[in-house]
N, C-alpha and C. Protein backbone atom coordinates (compact mmCIF):
# COMPACT_ATOMS: atom_id res chain seq x y z
N MET A 1 11.27 -20.95 -37.06
CA MET A 1 11.86 -22.07 -36.37
C MET A 1 11.76 -21.90 -34.85
N HIS A 2 11.91 -20.65 -34.38
CA HIS A 2 11.81 -20.42 -32.94
C HIS A 2 10.42 -20.79 -32.43
N THR A 3 9.40 -20.54 -33.22
CA THR A 3 8.04 -20.87 -32.82
C THR A 3 7.89 -22.37 -32.62
N MET A 4 8.47 -23.16 -33.49
CA MET A 4 8.39 -24.62 -33.36
C MET A 4 9.13 -25.10 -32.11
N ARG A 5 10.28 -24.50 -31.83
CA ARG A 5 11.03 -24.88 -30.62
C ARG A 5 10.24 -24.54 -29.37
N ARG A 6 9.64 -23.35 -29.36
CA ARG A 6 8.84 -22.94 -28.20
C ARG A 6 7.64 -23.86 -28.02
N LEU A 7 7.00 -24.22 -29.13
CA LEU A 7 5.85 -25.13 -29.05
C LEU A 7 6.28 -26.48 -28.51
N ALA A 8 7.40 -27.00 -29.01
CA ALA A 8 7.89 -28.30 -28.54
C ALA A 8 8.25 -28.24 -27.06
N LEU A 9 8.91 -27.15 -26.64
CA LEU A 9 9.26 -26.99 -25.24
C LEU A 9 8.01 -26.89 -24.38
N GLY A 10 7.05 -26.11 -24.82
CA GLY A 10 5.80 -25.97 -24.07
C GLY A 10 5.08 -27.29 -23.92
N LEU A 11 5.04 -28.07 -24.99
CA LEU A 11 4.38 -29.38 -24.93
C LEU A 11 5.12 -30.33 -24.00
N ALA A 12 6.46 -30.27 -24.04
CA ALA A 12 7.24 -31.12 -23.14
C ALA A 12 7.01 -30.74 -21.69
N ILE A 13 6.97 -29.45 -21.42
CA ILE A 13 6.72 -28.99 -20.05
C ILE A 13 5.32 -29.40 -19.61
N ALA A 14 4.34 -29.21 -20.49
CA ALA A 14 2.97 -29.57 -20.15
C ALA A 14 2.85 -31.05 -19.87
N ALA A 15 3.47 -31.87 -20.69
CA ALA A 15 3.40 -33.32 -20.50
C ALA A 15 4.08 -33.73 -19.21
N SER A 16 5.26 -33.19 -18.93
CA SER A 16 5.96 -33.56 -17.70
C SER A 16 5.23 -33.04 -16.47
N THR A 17 4.56 -31.89 -16.60
CA THR A 17 3.79 -31.35 -15.49
C THR A 17 2.66 -32.30 -15.14
N GLN A 18 1.95 -32.75 -16.15
CA GLN A 18 0.83 -33.64 -15.91
C GLN A 18 1.30 -34.96 -15.32
N LEU A 19 2.43 -35.49 -15.78
CA LEU A 19 2.97 -36.71 -15.21
C LEU A 19 3.39 -36.51 -13.76
N ALA A 20 4.03 -35.39 -13.48
CA ALA A 20 4.48 -35.12 -12.11
C ALA A 20 3.28 -34.97 -11.18
N ILE A 21 2.25 -34.28 -11.64
CA ILE A 21 1.08 -34.07 -10.81
C ILE A 21 0.35 -35.38 -10.58
N ALA A 22 0.37 -36.25 -11.58
CA ALA A 22 -0.30 -37.54 -11.47
C ALA A 22 0.47 -38.52 -10.58
N GLY A 23 1.68 -38.14 -10.17
CA GLY A 23 2.47 -39.00 -9.30
C GLY A 23 3.43 -39.90 -10.05
N ASN A 24 3.59 -39.70 -11.35
CA ASN A 24 4.51 -40.49 -12.15
C ASN A 24 5.90 -39.85 -12.10
N GLU A 25 6.90 -40.66 -12.36
CA GLU A 25 8.27 -40.17 -12.37
C GLU A 25 8.57 -39.44 -13.67
N VAL A 26 9.21 -38.31 -13.58
CA VAL A 26 9.70 -37.59 -14.75
C VAL A 26 11.14 -37.19 -14.46
N ARG A 27 11.91 -37.04 -15.50
CA ARG A 27 13.32 -36.68 -15.34
C ARG A 27 13.45 -35.17 -15.22
N VAL A 28 14.17 -34.72 -14.21
CA VAL A 28 14.50 -33.31 -14.03
C VAL A 28 16.01 -33.24 -13.93
N PHE A 29 16.63 -32.47 -14.80
CA PHE A 29 18.08 -32.41 -14.86
C PHE A 29 18.66 -31.37 -13.90
N SER A 30 19.84 -31.66 -13.40
CA SER A 30 20.66 -30.72 -12.63
C SER A 30 19.94 -30.07 -11.45
N GLN A 31 19.30 -30.87 -10.67
CA GLN A 31 18.62 -30.32 -9.50
C GLN A 31 19.31 -30.79 -8.23
N PRO A 32 19.33 -29.95 -7.23
CA PRO A 32 19.88 -30.42 -5.96
C PRO A 32 18.87 -31.30 -5.23
N ASN A 33 19.40 -32.18 -4.40
CA ASN A 33 18.48 -32.91 -3.52
C ASN A 33 18.25 -32.05 -2.28
N CYS A 34 17.40 -32.52 -1.40
CA CYS A 34 17.05 -31.70 -0.24
C CYS A 34 18.24 -31.44 0.69
N THR A 35 19.12 -32.41 0.83
CA THR A 35 20.30 -32.19 1.67
C THR A 35 21.15 -31.06 1.11
N GLU A 36 21.33 -31.06 -0.22
CA GLU A 36 22.09 -29.99 -0.87
C GLU A 36 21.34 -28.66 -0.77
N TRP A 37 20.02 -28.70 -0.93
CA TRP A 37 19.20 -27.48 -0.86
C TRP A 37 19.43 -26.75 0.46
N LEU A 38 19.43 -27.51 1.55
CA LEU A 38 19.57 -26.90 2.87
C LEU A 38 20.94 -26.27 3.09
N LYS A 39 21.94 -26.66 2.29
CA LYS A 39 23.28 -26.08 2.39
C LYS A 39 23.44 -24.85 1.51
N LEU A 40 22.50 -24.61 0.58
CA LEU A 40 22.62 -23.45 -0.31
C LEU A 40 22.47 -22.16 0.48
N THR A 41 23.37 -21.24 0.26
CA THR A 41 23.31 -19.97 0.98
C THR A 41 22.87 -18.82 0.08
N SER A 42 22.89 -19.03 -1.21
CA SER A 42 22.55 -17.97 -2.15
C SER A 42 21.14 -18.16 -2.70
N ASN A 43 20.33 -17.10 -2.59
CA ASN A 43 19.00 -17.17 -3.20
C ASN A 43 19.11 -17.32 -4.71
N GLY A 44 20.20 -16.83 -5.29
CA GLY A 44 20.41 -17.00 -6.72
C GLY A 44 20.46 -18.46 -7.12
N LYS A 45 21.15 -19.27 -6.31
CA LYS A 45 21.22 -20.70 -6.59
C LYS A 45 19.89 -21.39 -6.36
N LYS A 46 19.08 -20.85 -5.48
CA LYS A 46 17.79 -21.45 -5.19
C LYS A 46 16.74 -21.15 -6.26
N LYS A 47 17.04 -20.21 -7.13
CA LYS A 47 16.07 -19.80 -8.14
C LYS A 47 15.74 -20.91 -9.13
N CYS A 48 16.53 -21.98 -9.17
CA CYS A 48 16.19 -23.10 -10.04
C CYS A 48 14.82 -23.65 -9.65
N LEU A 49 14.48 -23.59 -8.38
CA LEU A 49 13.16 -24.03 -7.93
C LEU A 49 12.06 -23.14 -8.53
N LEU A 50 12.31 -21.85 -8.59
CA LEU A 50 11.32 -20.94 -9.17
C LEU A 50 11.12 -21.25 -10.65
N GLY A 51 12.21 -21.57 -11.34
CA GLY A 51 12.09 -21.96 -12.75
C GLY A 51 11.30 -23.23 -12.91
N PHE A 52 11.54 -24.20 -12.05
CA PHE A 52 10.79 -25.46 -12.08
C PHE A 52 9.30 -25.20 -11.87
N LEU A 53 8.98 -24.41 -10.85
CA LEU A 53 7.58 -24.10 -10.57
C LEU A 53 6.94 -23.31 -11.71
N SER A 54 7.68 -22.39 -12.30
CA SER A 54 7.16 -21.61 -13.41
C SER A 54 6.85 -22.51 -14.60
N GLY A 55 7.74 -23.47 -14.87
CA GLY A 55 7.49 -24.42 -15.96
C GLY A 55 6.26 -25.27 -15.69
N MET A 56 6.12 -25.75 -14.46
CA MET A 56 4.93 -26.53 -14.11
C MET A 56 3.68 -25.69 -14.27
N ASN A 57 3.75 -24.45 -13.81
CA ASN A 57 2.60 -23.56 -13.87
C ASN A 57 2.20 -23.28 -15.31
N HIS A 58 3.18 -23.07 -16.16
CA HIS A 58 2.90 -22.80 -17.57
C HIS A 58 2.21 -23.99 -18.22
N GLY A 59 2.75 -25.18 -18.00
CA GLY A 59 2.13 -26.39 -18.55
C GLY A 59 0.73 -26.60 -18.01
N TYR A 60 0.55 -26.34 -16.73
CA TYR A 60 -0.77 -26.50 -16.12
C TYR A 60 -1.77 -25.49 -16.70
N ALA A 61 -1.33 -24.25 -16.89
CA ALA A 61 -2.21 -23.21 -17.43
C ALA A 61 -2.65 -23.55 -18.85
N ILE A 62 -1.76 -24.13 -19.64
CA ILE A 62 -2.12 -24.53 -21.01
C ILE A 62 -3.25 -25.55 -20.98
N ASN A 63 -3.19 -26.48 -20.05
CA ASN A 63 -4.18 -27.55 -19.98
C ASN A 63 -5.41 -27.21 -19.15
N HIS A 64 -5.37 -26.12 -18.43
CA HIS A 64 -6.49 -25.77 -17.55
C HIS A 64 -6.96 -24.34 -17.76
N LYS A 65 -6.93 -23.90 -18.99
CA LYS A 65 -7.49 -22.61 -19.42
C LYS A 65 -7.05 -21.43 -18.57
N GLY A 66 -5.73 -21.33 -18.35
CA GLY A 66 -5.19 -20.16 -17.70
C GLY A 66 -5.21 -20.15 -16.18
N HIS A 67 -5.73 -21.21 -15.55
CA HIS A 67 -5.72 -21.27 -14.08
C HIS A 67 -4.28 -21.15 -13.60
N ASP A 68 -4.02 -20.34 -12.59
CA ASP A 68 -2.67 -20.02 -12.13
C ASP A 68 -2.51 -20.29 -10.64
N PRO A 69 -2.12 -21.52 -10.26
CA PRO A 69 -1.92 -21.80 -8.84
C PRO A 69 -0.86 -20.94 -8.17
N LEU A 70 0.12 -20.44 -8.93
CA LEU A 70 1.19 -19.64 -8.33
C LEU A 70 0.75 -18.23 -7.98
N GLU A 71 -0.45 -17.84 -8.35
CA GLU A 71 -0.91 -16.50 -8.00
C GLU A 71 -1.04 -16.34 -6.48
N LYS A 72 -1.05 -17.44 -5.77
CA LYS A 72 -1.17 -17.41 -4.31
C LYS A 72 0.18 -17.16 -3.63
N VAL A 73 1.27 -17.20 -4.39
CA VAL A 73 2.61 -16.98 -3.84
C VAL A 73 2.91 -15.49 -3.88
N THR A 74 3.36 -14.94 -2.77
CA THR A 74 3.62 -13.50 -2.70
C THR A 74 5.08 -13.13 -2.90
N SER A 75 6.01 -14.09 -2.69
CA SER A 75 7.43 -13.77 -2.86
C SER A 75 8.24 -15.05 -3.05
N ASP A 76 9.43 -14.90 -3.62
CA ASP A 76 10.31 -16.06 -3.74
C ASP A 76 10.77 -16.54 -2.36
N LYS A 77 10.92 -15.62 -1.43
CA LYS A 77 11.31 -16.00 -0.06
C LYS A 77 10.29 -16.97 0.54
N GLU A 78 9.01 -16.73 0.28
CA GLU A 78 7.96 -17.62 0.78
C GLU A 78 8.16 -19.04 0.24
N VAL A 79 8.51 -19.16 -1.03
CA VAL A 79 8.76 -20.47 -1.64
C VAL A 79 10.00 -21.11 -1.01
N PHE A 80 11.05 -20.33 -0.79
CA PHE A 80 12.28 -20.87 -0.22
C PHE A 80 12.06 -21.37 1.21
N VAL A 81 11.29 -20.64 2.00
CA VAL A 81 11.00 -21.06 3.37
C VAL A 81 10.17 -22.35 3.35
N TRP A 82 9.20 -22.42 2.44
CA TRP A 82 8.39 -23.64 2.31
C TRP A 82 9.30 -24.81 1.99
N MET A 83 10.23 -24.62 1.03
CA MET A 83 11.12 -25.71 0.63
C MET A 83 12.07 -26.08 1.75
N ASP A 84 12.54 -25.13 2.53
CA ASP A 84 13.39 -25.44 3.68
C ASP A 84 12.65 -26.39 4.63
N THR A 85 11.41 -26.09 4.92
CA THR A 85 10.60 -26.92 5.81
C THR A 85 10.41 -28.31 5.20
N TYR A 86 10.10 -28.35 3.92
CA TYR A 86 9.90 -29.63 3.22
C TYR A 86 11.18 -30.46 3.26
N CYS A 87 12.30 -29.83 2.95
CA CYS A 87 13.57 -30.56 2.89
C CYS A 87 14.04 -31.03 4.27
N ASN A 88 13.76 -30.26 5.31
CA ASN A 88 14.08 -30.73 6.66
C ASN A 88 13.30 -31.99 6.99
N ALA A 89 12.07 -32.08 6.51
CA ALA A 89 11.23 -33.26 6.76
C ALA A 89 11.52 -34.40 5.79
N ASN A 90 12.13 -34.11 4.62
CA ASN A 90 12.33 -35.11 3.57
C ASN A 90 13.75 -35.02 2.99
N PRO A 91 14.78 -35.25 3.79
CA PRO A 91 16.16 -35.01 3.32
C PRO A 91 16.58 -35.90 2.15
N GLY A 92 15.94 -37.03 1.94
CA GLY A 92 16.33 -37.93 0.86
C GLY A 92 15.69 -37.64 -0.48
N LEU A 93 14.82 -36.63 -0.53
CA LEU A 93 14.12 -36.34 -1.78
C LEU A 93 14.79 -35.20 -2.54
N ASP A 94 14.36 -35.00 -3.77
CA ASP A 94 14.88 -33.93 -4.61
C ASP A 94 13.98 -32.71 -4.54
N ILE A 95 14.51 -31.57 -4.96
CA ILE A 95 13.67 -30.36 -4.92
C ILE A 95 12.51 -30.45 -5.89
N SER A 96 12.61 -31.26 -6.94
CA SER A 96 11.46 -31.42 -7.83
C SER A 96 10.31 -32.10 -7.09
N ASP A 97 10.63 -33.02 -6.17
CA ASP A 97 9.59 -33.64 -5.36
C ASP A 97 8.89 -32.58 -4.51
N GLY A 98 9.69 -31.70 -3.92
CA GLY A 98 9.13 -30.60 -3.13
C GLY A 98 8.35 -29.64 -3.99
N GLY A 99 8.87 -29.35 -5.19
CA GLY A 99 8.16 -28.45 -6.11
C GLY A 99 6.80 -28.99 -6.48
N VAL A 100 6.73 -30.28 -6.75
CA VAL A 100 5.45 -30.91 -7.08
C VAL A 100 4.52 -30.86 -5.87
N ALA A 101 5.06 -31.14 -4.68
CA ALA A 101 4.24 -31.09 -3.46
C ALA A 101 3.69 -29.68 -3.22
N LEU A 102 4.55 -28.67 -3.40
CA LEU A 102 4.10 -27.29 -3.23
C LEU A 102 3.04 -26.94 -4.27
N PHE A 103 3.26 -27.35 -5.51
CA PHE A 103 2.31 -27.04 -6.57
C PHE A 103 0.95 -27.67 -6.28
N LYS A 104 0.96 -28.93 -5.81
CA LYS A 104 -0.30 -29.60 -5.45
C LYS A 104 -1.00 -28.84 -4.32
N GLU A 105 -0.22 -28.40 -3.33
CA GLU A 105 -0.77 -27.66 -2.20
C GLU A 105 -1.43 -26.35 -2.69
N LEU A 106 -0.74 -25.65 -3.58
CA LEU A 106 -1.30 -24.39 -4.10
C LEU A 106 -2.53 -24.64 -4.96
N LYS A 107 -2.53 -25.72 -5.70
CA LYS A 107 -3.71 -26.05 -6.52
C LYS A 107 -4.93 -26.29 -5.66
N ALA A 108 -4.71 -26.87 -4.49
CA ALA A 108 -5.83 -27.23 -3.61
C ALA A 108 -6.41 -26.02 -2.87
N LYS A 109 -5.68 -24.90 -2.85
CA LYS A 109 -6.15 -23.71 -2.12
C LYS A 109 -7.21 -22.99 -2.90
């Protein structure tokens, strides 16, 4: 049964990743918006972004034969600084918007 749940979760992540990359709206639960992101003081609270990126990366790798855009990231701090810059420029957006933007940027490198 666990295998079926994992498969279903993987397919859901892969599908939402492709929709997000294509510029379509997908639902992301319990995420801070950029204004809230900039107020977070704990890296622990910011790790939700790392989970989001990891899910996108997993779905992307399934559909693109193991290609790993996140291999270009050297630390979680690097991701947090990138998101701080993004959120300062886009205070009305959600961190998933920033996550998709970062993922697209890494894919293009």
